[in-house]
Amino acid sequence: MKYLILILSIALTALSSCSKDSELERTTNPIVGDWNYDAIEYDITVNEQDLYKYLDSLNISPENIVLFSLLIESEVKSELEGFSIQFQVDNSYELLKDAELESSGTYDLNIEEDSLILLDSNLDSIPLQILTLNETSLTLAGTENLETPDEIDLFDADLNITFTVYLIK
């Protein structure tokens, strides 16, 4: 009987310490939780040149440049509306769009270097810079190579977006 009580005591102590460790990790890792899209700022370059200067160099009319910029803005906003990301204590994450799973993977957070690297299930690495991280807001910056929308032919141009995305809990 003494051994049974001793075993139960050890088991309960181990279980309660695991719970405390998990709570401690959750409070010491400020990125853990559900983050929702709030806003975005971005710049687009084509062949390392400002998008609008590039389009102007192709003798595209100002009206069509405005239409193209509206198309890009609409595309970016539609991609991010309803977007959220859930960071877990075990360094996994899920990207959701309108509460539907879009992708998942693992993350590497380096607070000293203000960096966050997402590694998705396809083993694609997405490096991001952390501009702000506190209890209620997360601001990330990065650069991504984009495919040209089918509606616009940019003559096989190298299209990049540099962005800052604002997330809130």
C-alpha atoms as a PDB file:
ATOM      1  CA  MET A   1       0.000   0.000   0.000  1.00  0.00           C
ATOM      2  CA  LYS A   2       2.880   2.390   0.825  1.00  0.00           C
ATOM      3  CA  TYR A   3       4.309   1.777  -2.641  1.00  0.00           C
ATOM      4  CA  LEU A   4       0.986   2.548  -4.297  1.00  0.00           C
ATOM      5  CA  ILE A   5       0.721   5.858  -2.435  1.00  0.00           C
ATOM      6  CA  LEU A   6       4.359   6.669  -3.323  1.00  0.00           C
ATOM      7  CA  ILE A   7       3.764   5.876  -7.017  1.00  0.00           C
ATOM      8  CA  LEU A   8       0.560   7.954  -7.067  1.00  0.00           C
ATOM      9  CA  SER A   9       2.370  10.871  -5.384  1.00  0.00           C
ATOM     10  CA  ILE A  10       5.200  10.759  -7.920  1.00  0.00           C
ATOM     11  CA  ALA A  11       2.736  10.527 -10.827  1.00  0.00           C
ATOM     12  CA  LEU A  12       0.671  13.482  -9.562  1.00  0.00           C
ATOM     13  CA  THR A  13       3.824  15.551  -8.989  1.00  0.00           C
ATOM     14  CA  ALA A  14       5.036  14.769 -12.517  1.00  0.00           C
ATOM     15  CA  LEU A  15       1.671  15.663 -14.029  1.00  0.00           C
ATOM     16  CA  SER A  16       1.411  18.947 -12.144  1.00  0.00           C
ATOM     17  CA  SER A  17       4.981  19.929 -13.066  1.00  0.00           C
ATOM     18  CA  CYS A  18       4.246  19.239 -16.766  1.00  0.00           C
ATOM     19  CA  SER A  19       1.227  21.489 -16.520  1.00  0.00           C
ATOM     20  CA  LYS A  20       3.312  24.234 -14.875  1.00  0.00           C
ATOM     21  CA  ASP A  21       6.049  23.869 -17.533  1.00  0.00           C
ATOM     22  CA  SER A  22       3.456  24.217 -20.275  1.00  0.00           C
ATOM     23  CA  GLU A  23       1.944  27.294 -18.602  1.00  0.00           C
ATOM     24  CA  LEU A  24       5.423  28.782 -18.101  1.00  0.00           C
ATOM     25  CA  GLU A  25       6.363  28.201 -21.738  1.00  0.00           C
ATOM     26  CA  ARG A  26       3.073  29.743 -22.884  1.00  0.00           C
ATOM     27  CA  THR A  27       3.762  32.880 -20.837  1.00  0.00           C
ATOM     28  CA  THR A  28       7.447  33.121 -21.832  1.00  0.00           C
ATOM     29  CA  ASN A  29       6.799  32.623 -25.555  1.00  0.00           C
ATOM     30  CA  PRO A  30       4.862  35.756 -26.525  1.00  0.00           C
ATOM     31  CA  ILE A  31       4.054  34.549 -30.040  1.00  0.00           C
ATOM     32  CA  VAL A  32       1.917  31.625 -28.847  1.00  0.00           C
ATOM     33  CA  GLY A  33      -1.760  32.218 -29.553  1.00  0.00           C
ATOM     34  CA  ASP A  34      -4.199  33.180 -32.300  1.00  0.00           C
ATOM     35  CA  TRP A  35      -3.281  36.215 -34.433  1.00  0.00           C
ATOM     36  CA  ASN A  36      -5.708  37.861 -36.876  1.00  0.00           C
ATOM     37  CA  TYR A  37      -4.946  40.017 -39.897  1.00  0.00           C
ATOM     38  CA  ASP A  38      -5.451  43.718 -39.246  1.00  0.00           C
ATOM     39  CA  ALA A  39      -3.642  45.652 -42.013  1.00  0.00           C
ATOM     40  CA  ILE A  40      -0.831  45.526 -44.562  1.00  0.00           C
ATOM     41  CA  GLU A  41       1.602  47.949 -46.148  1.00  0.00           C
ATOM     42  CA  TYR A  42       3.517  46.893 -49.237  1.00  0.00           C
ATOM     43  CA  ASP A  43       5.739  47.998 -52.096  1.00  0.00           C
ATOM     44  CA  ILE A  44       5.997  46.155 -55.390  1.00  0.00           C
ATOM     45  CA  THR A  45       9.068  46.133 -57.582  1.00  0.00           C
ATOM     46  CA  VAL A  46       9.556  44.757 -61.065  1.00  0.00           C
ATOM     47  CA  ASN A  47      13.106  43.872 -62.032  1.00  0.00           C
ATOM     48  CA  GLU A  48      14.238  45.858 -58.958  1.00  0.00           C
ATOM     49  CA  GLN A  49      12.403  48.967 -60.189  1.00  0.00           C
ATOM     50  CA  ASP A  50       9.316  50.598 -58.679  1.00  0.00           C
ATOM     51  CA  LEU A  51       6.201  49.025 -60.218  1.00  0.00           C
ATOM     52  CA  TYR A  52       4.771  52.293 -61.526  1.00  0.00           C
ATOM     53  CA  LYS A  53       8.072  53.439 -63.045  1.00  0.00           C
ATOM     54  CA  TYR A  54       8.427  50.039 -64.675  1.00  0.00           C
ATOM     55  CA  LEU A  55       4.934  50.181 -66.168  1.00  0.00           C
ATOM     56  CA  ASP A  56       5.532  53.748 -67.320  1.00  0.00           C
ATOM     57  CA  SER A  57       8.768  52.634 -69.040  1.00  0.00           C
ATOM     58  CA  LEU A  58       6.649  50.198 -71.075  1.00  0.00           C
ATOM     59  CA  ASN A  59       4.573  53.168 -72.312  1.00  0.00           C
ATOM     60  CA  ILE A  60       1.509  51.916 -70.498  1.00  0.00           C
ATOM     61  CA  SER A  61      -1.100  54.640 -70.161  1.00  0.00           C
ATOM     62  CA  PRO A  62      -1.600  56.252 -66.741  1.00  0.00           C
ATOM     63  CA  GLU A  63      -5.186  54.965 -66.729  1.00  0.00           C
ATOM     64  CA  ASN A  64      -4.021  51.383 -67.185  1.00  0.00           C
ATOM     65  CA  ILE A  65      -1.350  51.842 -64.515  1.00  0.00           C
ATOM     66  CA  VAL A  66      -4.101  52.913 -62.103  1.00  0.00           C
ATOM     67  CA  LEU A  67      -6.219  49.911 -63.118  1.00  0.00           C
ATOM     68  CA  PHE A  68      -3.272  47.582 -62.605  1.00  0.00           C
ATOM     69  CA  SER A  69      -2.542  49.052 -59.158  1.00  0.00           C
ATOM     70  CA  LEU A  70      -6.209  48.576 -58.195  1.00  0.00           C
ATOM     71  CA  LEU A  71      -6.028  44.967 -59.391  1.00  0.00           C
ATOM     72  CA  ILE A  72      -2.924  44.325 -57.275  1.00  0.00           C
ATOM     73  CA  GLU A  73      -4.439  46.019 -54.217  1.00  0.00           C
ATOM     74  CA  SER A  74      -7.637  44.017 -54.606  1.00  0.00           C
ATOM     75  CA  GLU A  75      -5.670  40.777 -54.967  1.00  0.00           C
ATOM     76  CA  VAL A  76      -3.553  41.454 -51.876  1.00  0.00           C
ATOM     77  CA  LYS A  77      -6.526  42.420 -49.725  1.00  0.00           C
ATOM     78  CA  SER A  78      -8.645  39.457 -50.854  1.00  0.00           C
ATOM     79  CA  GLU A  79      -5.768  37.105 -49.998  1.00  0.00           C
ATOM     80  CA  LEU A  80      -5.525  38.504 -46.476  1.00  0.00           C
ATOM     81  CA  GLU A  81      -9.152  39.162 -45.510  1.00  0.00           C
ATOM     82  CA  GLY A  82     -10.170  36.535 -42.962  1.00  0.00           C
ATOM     83  CA  PHE A  83      -6.536  35.450 -42.536  1.00  0.00           C
ATOM     84  CA  SER A  84      -5.254  34.263 -39.164  1.00  0.00           C
ATOM     85  CA  ILE A  85      -2.313  32.310 -37.851  1.00  0.00           C
ATOM     86  CA  GLN A  86      -2.190  30.115 -34.765  1.00  0.00           C
ATOM     87  CA  PHE A  87       1.180  29.604 -33.094  1.00  0.00           C
ATOM     88  CA  GLN A  88       1.353  26.630 -30.734  1.00  0.00           C
ATOM     89  CA  VAL A  89       3.674  25.981 -27.767  1.00  0.00           C
ATOM     90  CA  ASP A  90       5.238  23.012 -29.622  1.00  0.00           C
ATOM     91  CA  ASN A  91       6.561  25.386 -32.363  1.00  0.00           C
ATOM     92  CA  SER A  92       3.907  24.383 -34.855  1.00  0.00           C
ATOM     93  CA  TYR A  93       1.607  26.817 -36.631  1.00  0.00           C
ATOM     94  CA  GLU A  94      -1.527  26.820 -38.761  1.00  0.00           C
ATOM     95  CA  LEU A  95      -2.476  29.436 -41.353  1.00  0.00           C
ATOM     96  CA  LEU A  96      -6.228  29.837 -41.646  1.00  0.00           C
ATOM     97  CA  LYS A  97      -8.392  31.668 -44.170  1.00  0.00           C
ATOM     98  CA  ASP A  98     -11.976  32.182 -43.027  1.00  0.00           C
ATOM     99  CA  ALA A  99     -11.367  29.515 -40.341  1.00  0.00           C
ATOM    100  CA  GLU A 100     -10.327  26.945 -43.008  1.00  0.00           C
ATOM    101  CA  LEU A 101      -6.821  25.457 -42.836  1.00  0.00           C
ATOM    102  CA  GLU A 102      -4.645  26.839 -45.658  1.00  0.00           C
ATOM    103  CA  SER A 103      -1.280  25.480 -44.559  1.00  0.00           C
ATOM    104  CA  SER A 104       0.648  24.370 -41.522  1.00  0.00           C
ATOM    105  CA  GLY A 105       4.179  23.695 -40.433  1.00  0.00           C
ATOM    106  CA  THR A 106       6.703  24.632 -37.792  1.00  0.00           C
ATOM    107  CA  TYR A 107       8.247  27.910 -36.761  1.00  0.00           C
ATOM    108  CA  ASP A 108      11.559  29.064 -35.358  1.00  0.00           C
ATOM    109  CA  LEU A 109      11.343  32.203 -33.226  1.00  0.00           C
ATOM    110  CA  ASN A 110      14.542  34.089 -32.385  1.00  0.00           C
ATOM    111  CA  ILE A 111      13.574  37.068 -30.240  1.00  0.00           C
ATOM    112  CA  GLU A 112      17.177  38.295 -29.847  1.00  0.00           C
ATOM    113  CA  GLU A 113      17.509  38.606 -33.642  1.00  0.00           C
ATOM    114  CA  ASP A 114      13.877  39.699 -34.180  1.00  0.00           C
ATOM    115  CA  SER A 115      13.368  36.855 -36.632  1.00  0.00           C
ATOM    116  CA  LEU A 116      10.656  34.329 -37.302  1.00  0.00           C
ATOM    117  CA  ILE A 117      11.056  31.535 -39.827  1.00  0.00           C
ATOM    118  CA  LEU A 118       8.036  29.564 -40.958  1.00  0.00           C
ATOM    119  CA  LEU A 119       8.720  26.137 -42.445  1.00  0.00           C
ATOM    120  CA  ASP A 120       5.593  24.881 -44.160  1.00  0.00           C
ATOM    121  CA  SER A 121       4.635  21.278 -44.833  1.00  0.00           C
ATOM    122  CA  ASN A 122       6.212  21.525 -48.326  1.00  0.00           C
ATOM    123  CA  LEU A 123       9.504  22.450 -46.612  1.00  0.00           C
ATOM    124  CA  ASP A 124       9.339  25.985 -48.026  1.00  0.00           C
ATOM    125  CA  SER A 125      11.064  28.409 -45.666  1.00  0.00           C
ATOM    126  CA  ILE A 126       9.520  31.846 -45.123  1.00  0.00           C
ATOM    127  CA  PRO A 127      11.881  34.211 -43.287  1.00  0.00           C
ATOM    128  CA  LEU A 128      10.215  37.161 -41.556  1.00  0.00           C
ATOM    129  CA  GLN A 129      11.475  40.052 -39.478  1.00  0.00           C
ATOM    130  CA  ILE A 130       9.616  40.838 -36.253  1.00  0.00           C
ATOM    131  CA  LEU A 131       9.005  44.568 -35.960  1.00  0.00           C
ATOM    132  CA  THR A 132       6.593  44.396 -33.004  1.00  0.00           C
ATOM    133  CA  LEU A 133       5.688  41.558 -30.660  1.00  0.00           C
ATOM    134  CA  ASN A 134       3.695  42.104 -27.483  1.00  0.00           C
ATOM    135  CA  GLU A 135       0.578  40.690 -25.829  1.00  0.00           C
ATOM    136  CA  THR A 136      -1.829  42.145 -28.401  1.00  0.00           C
ATOM    137  CA  SER A 137       0.073  42.981 -31.583  1.00  0.00           C
ATOM    138  CA  LEU A 138       2.484  41.266 -33.935  1.00  0.00           C
ATOM    139  CA  THR A 139       4.032  43.124 -36.861  1.00  0.00           C
ATOM    140  CA  LEU A 140       6.010  41.129 -39.413  1.00  0.00           C
ATOM    141  CA  ALA A 141       8.016  42.252 -42.443  1.00  0.00           C
ATOM    142  CA  GLY A 142       9.229  40.215 -45.385  1.00  0.00           C
ATOM    143  CA  THR A 143       9.776  39.969 -49.116  1.00  0.00           C
ATOM    144  CA  GLU A 144       8.181  37.516 -51.499  1.00  0.00           C
ATOM    145  CA  ASN A 145       8.554  36.796 -55.187  1.00  0.00           C
ATOM    146  CA  LEU A 146       5.157  36.951 -56.893  1.00  0.00           C
ATOM    147  CA  GLU A 147       3.730  35.420 -59.991  1.00  0.00           C
ATOM    148  CA  THR A 148       2.335  37.873 -62.498  1.00  0.00           C
ATOM    149  CA  PRO A 149      -1.481  37.814 -62.562  1.00  0.00           C
ATOM    150  CA  ASP A 150      -2.831  36.082 -65.682  1.00  0.00           C
ATOM    151  CA  GLU A 151      -4.685  39.247 -66.697  1.00  0.00           C
ATOM    152  CA  ILE A 152      -1.431  41.209 -67.066  1.00  0.00           C
ATOM    153  CA  ASP A 153       1.582  40.253 -69.180  1.00  0.00           C
ATOM    154  CA  LEU A 154       4.765  41.811 -67.789  1.00  0.00           C
ATOM    155  CA  PHE A 155       7.086  40.100 -70.267  1.00  0.00           C
ATOM    156  CA  ASP A 156       8.446  37.535 -67.792  1.00  0.00           C
ATOM    157  CA  ALA A 157       9.405  40.206 -65.286  1.00  0.00           C
ATOM    158  CA  ASP A 158      10.727  39.523 -61.784  1.00  0.00           C
ATOM    159  CA  LEU A 159       7.878  40.731 -59.561  1.00  0.00           C
ATOM    160  CA  ASN A 160       8.567  41.157 -55.812  1.00  0.00           C
ATOM    161  CA  ILE A 161       6.540  42.443 -52.908  1.00  0.00           C
ATOM    162  CA  THR A 162       8.070  43.855 -49.751  1.00  0.00           C
ATOM    163  CA  PHE A 163       5.439  43.897 -47.048  1.00  0.00           C
ATOM    164  CA  THR A 164       4.661  44.721 -43.464  1.00  0.00           C
ATOM    165  CA  VAL A 165       1.670  42.859 -42.067  1.00  0.00           C
ATOM    166  CA  TYR A 166      -0.073  43.828 -38.843  1.00  0.00           C
ATOM    167  CA  LEU A 167      -1.714  41.106 -36.734  1.00  0.00           C
ATOM    168  CA  ILE A 168      -3.718  41.400 -33.530  1.00  0.00           C
ATOM    169  CA  LYS A 169      -4.838  38.934 -30.851  1.00  0.00           C
END
